[in-house]
Amino acid sequence: MEDELRPDFVLPVPKIGNNVYIGPGVKIFGDIEIADNIAIGANSVVNKSFKEEGITIAGVPAKKVSSEGFDKCYYKATDILRGFYKLPQ
């Protein structure tokens, strides 16, 4: 049994940048990199690297959907909750 355990074996894991918003239900896997200030839409599947900072990605598989990243999404959501920003009908 001990021969089966390999302490030198490390599974590849994602590298997540700073100020990354990860929506509910997001799956991130593999040896990939997510740059700083990225927003990832709910239920997205991220299986490739996104090295461009300040964008929004979403979908299955995830792709760039907007040039507005974490900062814009955070403030827009906060304004909606406070009633300062009205959603389009």
Foldseek 3Di string as FASTA:
>chain_A
DVVVDDPVDDFAAEAEEALEAEAAQEAEDDNEYEYEQAYEDHNEYEDYYDHDHQFYWYDDPIDTDGSHGRVVVVVVVVCVVVVNDDDDD
